[in-house]
Protein backbone atom coordinates (compact mmCIF):
# COMPACT_ATOMS: atom_id res chain seq x y z
CA MET A 1 -4.04 -154.33 -168.13
CA TYR A 2 -5.07 -155.01 -171.73
CA LYS A 3 -2.63 -154.49 -174.57
CA ILE A 4 -4.19 -152.97 -177.72
CA LEU A 5 -2.47 -153.04 -181.12
CA ILE A 6 -3.01 -149.87 -183.18
CA VAL A 7 -2.04 -150.08 -186.86
CA GLU A 8 -2.38 -146.71 -188.62
CA ASP A 9 -0.09 -145.13 -191.23
CA SER A 10 -1.15 -141.56 -190.40
CA ARG A 11 1.00 -140.58 -187.46
CA ILE A 12 -1.43 -137.84 -186.42
CA GLN A 13 -4.38 -140.25 -186.46
CA ALA A 14 -2.33 -142.94 -184.73
CA ASP A 15 -1.37 -140.51 -181.98
CA LEU A 16 -4.99 -139.47 -181.43
CA ILE A 17 -6.03 -143.12 -181.11
CA ARG A 18 -3.10 -143.85 -178.81
CA GLN A 19 -4.02 -140.95 -176.52
CA GLU A 20 -7.64 -142.09 -176.31
CA VAL A 21 -6.66 -145.69 -175.58
CA GLN A 22 -4.18 -144.57 -172.93
CA SER A 23 -6.77 -142.33 -171.25
CA ARG A 24 -8.96 -145.33 -170.40
CA GLY A 25 -6.63 -146.55 -167.66
CA LYS A 26 -6.65 -150.32 -168.19
CA LEU A 27 -5.68 -150.21 -171.88
CA VAL A 28 -2.07 -150.18 -173.06
CA PRO A 29 -1.54 -148.98 -176.66
CA VAL A 30 1.13 -150.41 -178.97
CA VAL A 31 1.40 -148.45 -182.24
CA SER A 32 2.57 -149.65 -185.65
CA ASN A 33 2.56 -147.46 -188.77
CA THR A 34 3.20 -150.25 -191.29
CA PHE A 35 2.17 -153.82 -192.01
CA SER A 36 5.74 -155.06 -191.53
CA ASP A 37 6.04 -153.41 -188.13
CA ALA A 38 2.66 -154.82 -187.08
CA LYS A 39 3.96 -158.26 -188.00
CA ILE A 40 7.00 -157.73 -185.79
CA GLN A 41 4.85 -156.53 -182.88
CA LEU A 42 2.62 -159.59 -183.16
CA GLN A 43 5.67 -161.85 -183.05
CA THR A 44 7.31 -159.92 -180.22
CA HIS A 45 4.14 -159.80 -178.10
CA ALA A 46 2.63 -163.13 -179.15
CA GLY A 47 -0.54 -163.87 -177.19
CA GLU A 48 -0.50 -160.53 -175.36
CA PHE A 49 -2.90 -158.42 -177.44
CA PHE A 50 -6.54 -158.28 -176.39
CA ALA A 51 -7.77 -156.42 -179.51
CA ALA A 52 -6.52 -154.52 -182.56
CA LEU A 53 -7.59 -151.22 -184.16
CA LEU A 54 -6.63 -151.37 -187.82
CA ASP A 55 -6.33 -149.00 -190.75
CA ILE A 56 -7.48 -150.98 -193.78
CA ASN A 57 -5.06 -149.33 -196.26
CA LEU A 58 -1.37 -149.29 -195.40
CA PRO A 59 1.57 -148.27 -197.63
CA ASP A 60 2.99 -151.81 -197.63
CA ALA A 61 -0.41 -153.58 -197.46
CA PRO A 62 -3.04 -151.56 -199.37
CA HIS A 63 -5.66 -154.30 -199.67
CA GLY A 64 -6.48 -155.05 -196.03
CA GLU A 65 -3.83 -157.70 -195.52
CA VAL A 66 -3.34 -156.52 -191.94
CA VAL A 67 -6.86 -157.72 -191.08
CA ASP A 68 -6.05 -161.27 -192.14
CA LEU A 69 -2.76 -161.07 -190.25
CA VAL A 70 -4.38 -160.05 -186.99
CA ILE A 71 -7.29 -162.46 -187.23
CA THR A 72 -4.86 -165.31 -187.92
CA HIS A 73 -3.43 -164.55 -184.46
CA GLY A 74 -6.93 -164.87 -182.94
CA ILE A 75 -7.14 -161.18 -182.03
CA PRO A 76 -10.50 -159.32 -182.29
CA ALA A 77 -10.16 -156.70 -185.03
CA ILE A 78 -11.90 -153.34 -185.38
CA VAL A 79 -11.30 -151.77 -188.79
CA PHE A 80 -10.99 -148.10 -189.81
CA THR A 81 -11.86 -147.20 -193.37
CA GLY A 82 -12.04 -143.97 -195.34
CA GLU A 83 -14.59 -145.34 -197.80
CA PHE A 84 -17.62 -147.59 -197.52
CA SER A 85 -19.39 -149.88 -199.97
CA GLU A 86 -21.55 -153.00 -199.82
CA GLY A 87 -18.61 -154.96 -201.17
CA PHE A 88 -16.36 -153.71 -198.38
CA ARG A 89 -19.02 -154.49 -195.78
CA GLY A 90 -19.39 -158.03 -197.11
CA ARG A 91 -15.64 -158.62 -197.02
CA MET A 92 -15.34 -157.42 -193.44
CA ILE A 93 -18.23 -159.57 -192.25
CA ALA A 94 -16.74 -162.56 -194.07
CA LYS A 95 -13.42 -161.93 -192.30
CA ARG A 96 -15.30 -161.86 -188.95
CA VAL A 97 -14.11 -158.47 -187.80
CA VAL A 98 -15.75 -157.15 -184.64
CA ASP A 99 -16.82 -153.95 -186.40
CA TYR A 100 -15.85 -151.45 -189.08
CA VAL A 101 -15.75 -147.68 -188.52
CA ILE A 102 -15.79 -144.86 -191.05
CA LYS A 103 -12.86 -142.52 -190.48
CA GLY A 104 -13.89 -139.03 -189.48
CA ASP A 105 -12.71 -136.37 -187.08
CA ARG A 106 -11.34 -137.11 -183.62
CA ASN A 107 -14.90 -137.52 -182.31
CA SER A 108 -15.11 -140.86 -184.12
CA ILE A 109 -12.32 -142.32 -181.97
CA PRO A 110 -13.85 -142.53 -178.44
CA PRO A 111 -16.73 -144.83 -179.52
CA VAL A 112 -14.19 -147.24 -181.03
CA VAL A 113 -12.20 -147.42 -177.80
CA SER A 114 -15.46 -147.79 -175.87
CA LEU A 115 -16.17 -150.84 -178.02
CA VAL A 116 -12.88 -152.36 -176.84
CA GLU A 117 -13.97 -151.78 -173.24
CA ARG A 118 -17.30 -153.37 -174.13
CA LEU A 119 -15.48 -156.48 -175.33
CA ILE A 120 -13.64 -156.67 -172.00
CA ARG A 121 -16.90 -156.51 -170.05
CA ASN A 122 -18.55 -159.02 -172.38
CA ARG A 123 -16.21 -161.76 -171.20
CA THR A 124 -18.09 -161.91 -167.90
CA THR A 125 -21.53 -161.15 -169.36
CA LYS A 126 -23.67 -164.26 -169.72
CA VAL A 127 -26.14 -164.51 -172.61
CA LEU A 128 -28.60 -167.38 -173.04
CA VAL A 129 -29.60 -168.33 -176.61
CA VAL A 130 -32.86 -170.30 -176.87
CA ASP A 131 -33.85 -171.93 -180.17
CA ASP A 132 -34.93 -175.45 -181.12
CA SER A 133 -32.88 -175.22 -184.32
CA ARG A 134 -29.29 -176.29 -183.69
CA SER A 135 -28.06 -174.36 -186.74
CA ALA A 136 -29.88 -171.17 -185.67
CA ARG A 137 -28.44 -171.44 -182.16
CA SER A 138 -24.98 -172.04 -183.58
CA MET A 139 -25.21 -168.98 -185.85
CA ILE A 140 -26.24 -166.63 -183.01
CA THR A 141 -23.74 -168.20 -180.61
CA ASP A 142 -20.94 -167.65 -183.11
CA LEU A 143 -21.90 -164.00 -183.47
CA LEU A 144 -21.99 -163.44 -179.72
CA SER A 145 -18.66 -165.25 -179.27
CA LEU A 146 -17.13 -162.87 -181.79
CA HIS A 147 -17.92 -160.09 -179.30
CA LYS A 148 -16.52 -162.19 -176.44
CA PHE A 149 -19.82 -162.86 -174.64
CA HIS A 150 -20.09 -165.87 -172.32
CA VAL A 151 -22.78 -167.80 -174.22
CA LEU A 152 -25.11 -170.51 -172.90
CA GLU A 153 -27.62 -172.46 -174.99
CA ALA A 154 -31.03 -174.13 -174.61
CA GLU A 155 -33.12 -175.96 -177.19
CA ASN A 156 -36.51 -174.96 -175.76
CA GLY A 157 -38.19 -172.81 -173.11
CA ALA A 158 -38.32 -175.53 -170.44
CA LYS A 159 -34.59 -176.17 -170.76
CA ALA A 160 -33.96 -172.40 -170.75
CA LEU A 161 -35.63 -172.08 -167.34
CA GLU A 162 -33.34 -174.81 -166.00
CA VAL A 163 -30.27 -172.96 -167.30
CA LEU A 164 -31.52 -169.69 -165.73
CA THR A 165 -31.86 -171.47 -162.39
CA GLN A 166 -28.29 -172.75 -162.68
CA HIS A 167 -26.97 -169.34 -163.84
CA PRO A 168 -28.95 -166.58 -162.08
CA ASP A 169 -26.37 -164.03 -163.26
CA ILE A 170 -27.46 -164.30 -166.92
CA ARG A 171 -27.99 -160.76 -168.20
CA LEU A 172 -29.63 -161.35 -171.59
CA VAL A 173 -31.90 -164.01 -173.09
CA ILE A 174 -32.29 -164.20 -176.87
CA THR A 175 -35.23 -166.46 -177.65
CA ASP A 176 -36.91 -167.69 -180.80
CA TYR A 177 -40.72 -167.65 -180.95
CA ASN A 178 -41.64 -171.02 -182.47
CA MET A 179 -40.37 -173.86 -180.21
CA PRO A 180 -41.81 -177.13 -178.87
CA GLN A 181 -42.82 -177.64 -175.21
CA MET A 182 -42.68 -173.93 -174.40
CA ASP A 183 -42.59 -171.23 -177.08
CA GLY A 184 -40.92 -167.82 -176.87
CA PHE A 185 -44.06 -166.09 -175.57
CA GLU A 186 -44.53 -168.54 -172.70
CA LEU A 187 -40.82 -168.44 -171.87
CA THR A 188 -40.79 -164.64 -171.80
CA ARG A 189 -43.82 -164.54 -169.52
CA GLU A 190 -42.32 -167.14 -167.17
CA ILE A 191 -38.95 -165.36 -167.03
CA ARG A 192 -40.71 -162.13 -166.08
CA ARG A 193 -42.34 -163.92 -163.15
CA ARG A 194 -38.85 -164.61 -161.84
CA HIS A 195 -36.70 -161.72 -163.10
CA ASP A 196 -37.74 -158.12 -163.66
CA LYS A 197 -36.36 -155.86 -166.38
CA SER A 198 -33.71 -154.42 -164.08
CA GLN A 199 -32.12 -157.87 -163.72
CA LEU A 200 -32.29 -159.40 -167.16
CA ALA A 201 -33.15 -158.31 -170.72
CA ILE A 202 -35.02 -160.41 -173.27
CA ILE A 203 -34.82 -160.12 -177.06
CA GLY A 204 -37.42 -162.02 -179.08
CA LEU A 205 -36.56 -163.49 -182.49
CA SER A 206 -38.74 -164.78 -185.30
CA SER A 207 -38.71 -165.32 -189.05
CA HIS A 208 -42.52 -165.29 -189.19
CA ASN A 209 -43.92 -162.51 -191.35
CA ASP A 210 -46.38 -161.42 -188.65
CA HIS A 211 -46.29 -157.75 -187.69
CA MET A 212 -48.04 -158.54 -184.39
CA LEU A 213 -45.21 -160.77 -183.14
CA SER A 214 -43.07 -157.90 -181.91
CA ALA A 215 -45.97 -156.33 -180.00
CA ARG A 216 -46.93 -159.68 -178.48
CA PHE A 217 -43.35 -160.31 -177.33
CA LEU A 218 -43.09 -156.83 -175.81
CA LYS A 219 -46.45 -157.14 -174.05
CA ARG A 220 -45.23 -160.33 -172.36
CA GLY A 221 -42.17 -158.56 -171.01
CA ALA A 222 -39.51 -158.65 -173.73
CA ASN A 223 -37.23 -155.64 -174.03
CA ASP A 224 -36.73 -155.89 -177.79
CA PHE A 225 -37.55 -157.87 -180.91
CA ILE A 226 -35.56 -158.70 -184.06
CA THR A 227 -36.98 -160.17 -187.25
CA LYS A 228 -34.91 -162.87 -188.99
CA PRO A 229 -32.97 -162.59 -191.21
CA PHE A 230 -31.35 -159.56 -189.64
CA LEU A 231 -28.41 -157.31 -190.40
CA ILE A 232 -25.45 -158.30 -188.25
CA GLU A 233 -24.81 -154.63 -187.42
CA GLU A 234 -28.37 -154.22 -186.15
CA PHE A 235 -28.09 -157.42 -184.10
CA PHE A 236 -24.97 -156.25 -182.28
CA LEU A 237 -26.37 -152.75 -181.72
CA ARG A 238 -29.52 -154.12 -180.12
CA VAL A 239 -27.63 -156.66 -178.03
CA GLY A 240 -25.16 -154.02 -176.86
CA GLN A 241 -27.86 -151.49 -175.98
CA ASN A 242 -29.87 -154.00 -173.95
CA VAL A 243 -26.85 -155.26 -172.04
CA GLU A 244 -25.69 -151.71 -171.30
CA ILE A 245 -29.11 -150.74 -169.93
CA ILE A 246 -28.90 -153.63 -167.45
CA GLU A 247 -25.34 -152.59 -166.52
CA HIS A 248 -26.41 -148.98 -165.96
CA ILE A 249 -29.26 -150.08 -163.70
CA HIS A 250 -26.91 -152.31 -161.69
CA ALA A 251 -24.38 -149.48 -161.42
CA LEU A 252 -27.05 -147.11 -160.11
CA LYS A 253 -28.25 -149.68 -157.59
CA GLY A 254 -24.66 -150.30 -156.51
CA ALA A 255 -24.06 -146.58 -156.07
CA ALA A 256 -27.24 -146.30 -154.00
CA MET A 257 -25.97 -149.02 -151.63
CA LYS A 258 -22.37 -147.83 -151.28
CA ASP A 259 -20.71 -145.06 -149.34
CA PHE A 260 -19.10 -142.82 -151.96
CA LEU A 261 -15.95 -142.13 -149.91
CA THR A 262 -14.94 -145.49 -148.47
CA GLY A 263 -16.59 -147.90 -150.89
CA LEU A 264 -18.17 -149.77 -147.97
CA PRO A 265 -21.91 -150.45 -147.92
CA ASN A 266 -23.90 -147.47 -146.61
CA ARG A 267 -26.38 -147.29 -143.73
CA ARG A 268 -29.36 -148.07 -145.95
CA HIS A 269 -27.81 -151.28 -147.26
CA PHE A 270 -26.61 -152.26 -143.80
CA MET A 271 -30.09 -151.90 -142.31
CA GLU A 272 -31.77 -153.78 -145.17
CA GLU A 273 -29.35 -156.71 -145.19
CA GLY A 274 -28.82 -156.64 -141.45
CA THR A 275 -32.56 -156.94 -140.83
CA LYS A 276 -32.63 -160.06 -143.01
CA LEU A 277 -29.74 -161.53 -141.02
CA HIS A 278 -31.50 -160.66 -137.77
CA VAL A 279 -34.59 -162.62 -138.87
CA HIS A 280 -32.35 -165.68 -139.33
CA ALA A 281 -30.79 -165.02 -135.92
CA LEU A 282 -34.23 -164.99 -134.27
CA SER A 283 -35.08 -168.30 -135.95
CA GLY A 284 -31.87 -169.80 -134.58
CA THR A 285 -30.25 -170.59 -137.91
CA ILE A 286 -27.35 -168.15 -137.29
CA THR A 287 -25.88 -166.10 -134.46
CA LEU A 288 -25.19 -162.37 -134.66
CA ILE A 289 -22.92 -160.02 -132.72
CA ALA A 290 -23.11 -156.30 -133.50
CA GLY A 291 -20.38 -153.71 -133.15
CA THR A 292 -20.33 -149.96 -133.64
CA VAL A 293 -16.98 -148.30 -134.28
CA ASP A 294 -16.11 -144.61 -133.93
CA VAL A 295 -12.86 -142.83 -134.79
CA ASP A 296 -11.54 -141.05 -131.70
CA PHE A 297 -11.05 -137.25 -131.83
CA PHE A 298 -11.99 -137.20 -135.50
CA LYS A 299 -13.07 -133.55 -135.38
CA LYS A 300 -9.58 -132.66 -134.17
CA VAL A 301 -8.09 -134.39 -137.24
CA ASN A 302 -10.29 -132.30 -139.54
CA ASP A 303 -9.62 -129.08 -137.65
CA THR A 304 -5.86 -129.61 -137.49
CA TYR A 305 -5.07 -131.18 -140.86
CA GLY A 306 -8.12 -130.44 -142.99
CA HIS A 307 -10.95 -132.52 -144.44
CA GLU A 308 -8.66 -134.16 -146.99
CA ALA A 309 -6.73 -135.75 -144.12
CA GLY A 310 -10.00 -136.71 -142.45
CA ASP A 311 -11.13 -138.44 -145.63
CA GLN A 312 -7.86 -140.36 -145.82
CA VAL A 313 -8.33 -141.52 -142.21
CA LEU A 314 -11.84 -142.79 -142.96
CA LYS A 315 -10.64 -144.63 -146.05
CA MET A 316 -7.82 -146.31 -144.13
CA VAL A 317 -10.09 -147.34 -141.24
CA ALA A 318 -12.66 -148.68 -143.72
CA ALA A 319 -10.00 -150.66 -145.59
CA THR A 320 -8.73 -152.08 -142.29
CA MET A 321 -12.22 -153.20 -141.29
CA ALA A 322 -12.78 -154.80 -144.69
CA GLY A 323 -9.44 -156.56 -144.38
CA VAL A 324 -10.16 -158.20 -141.05
CA ALA A 325 -13.87 -158.97 -141.57
CA GLY A 326 -14.97 -162.40 -142.72
CA SER A 327 -16.73 -163.06 -146.00
CA ASN A 328 -20.06 -163.65 -144.22
CA ASP A 329 -19.83 -160.54 -142.03
CA LEU A 330 -21.68 -157.32 -142.85
CA LEU A 331 -20.03 -153.95 -142.37
CA ALA A 332 -20.83 -150.38 -143.35
CA ARG A 333 -20.10 -146.73 -142.83
CA ILE A 334 -23.28 -145.57 -141.14
CA GLY A 335 -22.48 -141.88 -140.83
CA GLY A 336 -19.63 -139.42 -140.30
CA GLU A 337 -16.77 -141.23 -138.62
CA GLU A 338 -18.97 -144.09 -137.41
CA PHE A 339 -18.99 -147.65 -138.75
CA ALA A 340 -21.00 -150.76 -137.90
CA ILE A 341 -20.38 -154.47 -138.30
CA LEU A 342 -22.38 -157.66 -137.81
CA LEU A 343 -20.36 -160.78 -137.09
CA VAL A 344 -22.08 -163.95 -138.28
CA ASN A 345 -21.70 -167.23 -136.37
CA GLN A 346 -18.95 -166.12 -133.99
CA ASP A 347 -19.03 -166.87 -130.28
CA ILE A 348 -18.34 -164.16 -127.70
CA GLU A 349 -14.71 -165.17 -127.20
CA LYS A 350 -13.91 -165.05 -130.92
CA ALA A 351 -15.83 -161.81 -131.32
CA THR A 352 -13.89 -160.22 -128.47
CA GLY A 353 -10.65 -161.24 -130.13
CA PHE A 354 -11.87 -159.88 -133.47
CA PHE A 355 -12.73 -156.43 -132.11
CA GLU A 356 -9.51 -156.19 -130.09
CA ARG A 357 -7.53 -157.13 -133.19
CA LEU A 358 -9.38 -154.47 -135.17
CA ARG A 359 -8.66 -151.84 -132.50
CA GLU A 360 -4.96 -152.77 -132.38
CA THR A 361 -4.62 -152.78 -136.17
CA VAL A 362 -6.09 -149.29 -136.48
CA GLU A 363 -3.90 -148.04 -133.63
CA SER A 364 -0.81 -149.24 -135.49
CA LEU A 365 -1.77 -147.57 -138.78
CA VAL A 366 0.59 -144.94 -140.15
CA ILE A 367 -1.52 -142.68 -142.36
CA PRO A 368 0.44 -140.50 -144.81
CA HIS A 369 -0.70 -136.92 -145.36
CA HIS A 370 1.52 -134.69 -147.49
CA HIS A 371 4.83 -134.53 -145.59
CA GLU A 372 3.38 -135.74 -142.30
CA THR A 373 1.99 -138.98 -140.90
CA LEU A 374 -1.12 -139.33 -138.80
CA ARG A 375 -2.18 -141.88 -136.23
CA VAL A 376 -5.68 -142.47 -134.93
CA THR A 377 -7.50 -144.82 -132.59
CA ILE A 378 -11.03 -146.18 -132.48
CA SER A 379 -13.55 -146.94 -129.76
CA ILE A 380 -15.85 -149.94 -130.14
CA GLY A 381 -19.15 -150.91 -128.54
CA VAL A 382 -20.37 -154.49 -128.88
CA SER A 383 -23.78 -156.12 -128.36
CA THR A 384 -23.87 -159.91 -128.01
CA SER A 385 -27.64 -160.14 -127.55
CA SER A 386 -29.91 -160.29 -130.60
CA GLY A 387 -32.82 -158.80 -128.70
CA SER A 388 -36.03 -158.16 -130.59
CA SER A 389 -34.63 -156.25 -133.57
CA LEU A 390 -31.51 -155.06 -135.34
CA ALA A 391 -32.24 -151.56 -134.05
CA TYR A 392 -32.13 -152.96 -130.50
CA MET A 393 -28.73 -154.56 -131.13
CA LEU A 394 -27.29 -151.35 -132.54
CA ASP A 395 -28.73 -149.31 -129.67
CA GLN A 396 -27.05 -151.66 -127.18
CA ALA A 397 -23.77 -151.43 -129.08
CA ASP A 398 -24.03 -147.62 -129.15
CA GLN A 399 -24.48 -147.49 -125.38
CA LYS A 400 -21.31 -149.53 -124.93
CA LEU A 401 -19.56 -147.27 -127.47
CA TYR A 402 -20.41 -144.28 -125.27
CA ASP A 403 -18.98 -146.21 -122.31
CA ALA A 404 -15.77 -146.77 -124.25
CA LYS A 405 -15.53 -143.02 -124.92
CA ARG A 406 -16.17 -142.14 -121.28
CA ASN A 407 -13.64 -144.70 -120.07
CA GLY A 408 -10.75 -143.23 -122.03
CA ARG A 409 -11.30 -144.18 -125.73
CA ASN A 410 -9.21 -146.62 -127.77
CA ARG A 411 -10.99 -149.53 -126.10
CA VAL A 412 -13.68 -152.19 -126.61
CA GLU A 413 -16.73 -152.38 -124.34
CA ILE A 414 -19.03 -155.41 -124.56
CA VAL A 415 -22.52 -156.11 -123.25
């Protein structure tokens, strides 16, 4: 949970902000209507606030004193203002506020709270800044740190490639054009050989007064280009947009690989990753044992208690499987009430113990449903032979699963 300080003298406006903050789930609002109360809250909850949303003009602090107060405590500040001028903008940038927002109707509030959520995500978002000028790197790094990004640095393209190898989870590269050893064009082209646009975004930078630079960067695979000197607001907007595009792509890919109900990988992901594991098994670098798991009399659960109860059963079984599986094992919901698992580097004796433990754990589950409790069992078929393909292993496991059903259910059959 992230505690957010809201300082706003209008009780109606403060309540609207509080409601929006509260609706986001992980954010906990703490409201002050005056400068003096904000001071008390900061003392009472010292070190607990993640960010602050601040009205610039308060009855007991009409000249923005609350901004200085909050920033002194090291808390990222987002400022609300009813008026805007170049002088105001300059003062806010000098104070190193995260952003300033013009007060409007209630529709202006959700984007502000979304910015707070953005700051939370930024803490685990890696950005690589590449520039041969130490002062230029420092300036951009300071800006990114203000928005809580995890920032890495490199003084040229060759060094940048080393950092990317060490940190493959970097999501954004901001690179200058004119650098020794490897310039921004060459770096962009080389990065695109290794990472496509769904994995990592690139923003080119240059102070050269050449209108072709942006086109040349983009043609080599950059996502965006900014001319120096730039407006700080434009810089953060472009950075934020590029990072969010990468996040959206990753979210879509994640959704495509996951079962929507249980959160386990789906059949498609299981077959793709399982096939890769099977190749390693054939080469002798790992061993694989496959199991298919089916919930006994699942149709009866749905018919008797309804599909909501059936969904709860599947979720509980999935959570149980995830709880007992090892970090190297692969499991998935492959359809209906059927699950599959690949055990990596386990001998037959350990695998037998694993599947028996799984069966016993599910049998002991007490599944709440309204004012009743449900109990279910599972049948498991296991294949210990890699055969010629993953499909062969699963087919062998399925045959043993059918044997388990025929032999009374709630049992493990192994071939």
